Amino acid sequence: MKWENNGELAQRDLSELVRRLLDVEATNHSDELSRLSSKCNEQE
């Protein structure tokens, strides 16, 4: 994983992390993962 100078995870790594978490996390975490996924898509 690569971190940007502003302290955030690099866009590509964040997208990949969210995708992988959606594959394995329980549905009770889906709202937060969806929020993160939306953040990924806004920056692309």
Protein backbone atom coordinates (compact mmCIF):
# COMPACT_ATOMS: atom_id res chain seq x y z
CA MET A 1 0.00 0.00 0.00
CA LYS A 2 1.12 3.50 -0.76
CA TRP A 3 0.32 6.55 1.34
CA GLU A 4 0.00 10.00 -0.21
CA ASN A 5 1.79 13.07 1.14
CA ASN A 6 -1.49 14.23 2.71
CA GLY A 7 -1.60 11.09 4.85
CA GLU A 8 -4.37 9.34 2.91
CA LEU A 9 -4.12 5.97 1.23
CA ALA A 10 -3.37 6.15 -2.48
CA GLN A 11 -6.55 6.10 -4.57
CA ARG A 12 -5.85 2.79 -6.29
CA ASP A 13 -4.95 1.09 -3.01
CA LEU A 14 -8.05 2.46 -1.28
CA SER A 15 -10.27 1.17 -4.09
CA GLU A 16 -8.66 -2.27 -3.96
CA LEU A 17 -8.92 -2.42 -0.16
CA VAL A 18 -12.62 -1.53 -0.21
CA ARG A 19 -13.28 -4.09 -2.95
CA ARG A 20 -11.57 -6.85 -0.98
CA LEU A 21 -13.33 -5.92 2.25
CA LEU A 22 -16.71 -6.02 0.53
CA ASP A 23 -15.91 -9.61 -0.48
CA VAL A 24 -15.23 -10.78 3.08
CA GLU A 25 -16.95 -8.47 5.58
CA ALA A 26 -20.31 -9.11 7.15
CA THR A 27 -23.26 -7.16 5.84
CA ASN A 28 -23.43 -5.00 8.98
CA HIS A 29 -20.31 -3.21 7.72
CA SER A 30 -21.66 -2.64 4.24
CA ASP A 31 -22.88 0.91 4.92
CA GLU A 32 -19.42 2.12 5.91
CA LEU A 33 -17.77 0.25 3.06
CA SER A 34 -20.27 1.78 0.64
CA ARG A 35 -19.38 5.22 1.97
CA LEU A 36 -15.69 4.50 1.39
CA SER A 37 -16.43 3.15 -2.04
CA SER A 38 -18.29 6.35 -2.91
CA LYS A 39 -15.26 8.36 -1.78
CA CYS A 40 -13.06 6.25 -4.07
CA ASN A 41 -15.33 6.82 -7.03
CA GLU A 42 -15.55 10.59 -6.47
CA GLN A 43 -11.78 11.00 -6.65
CA GLU A 44 -11.32 9.01 -9.86
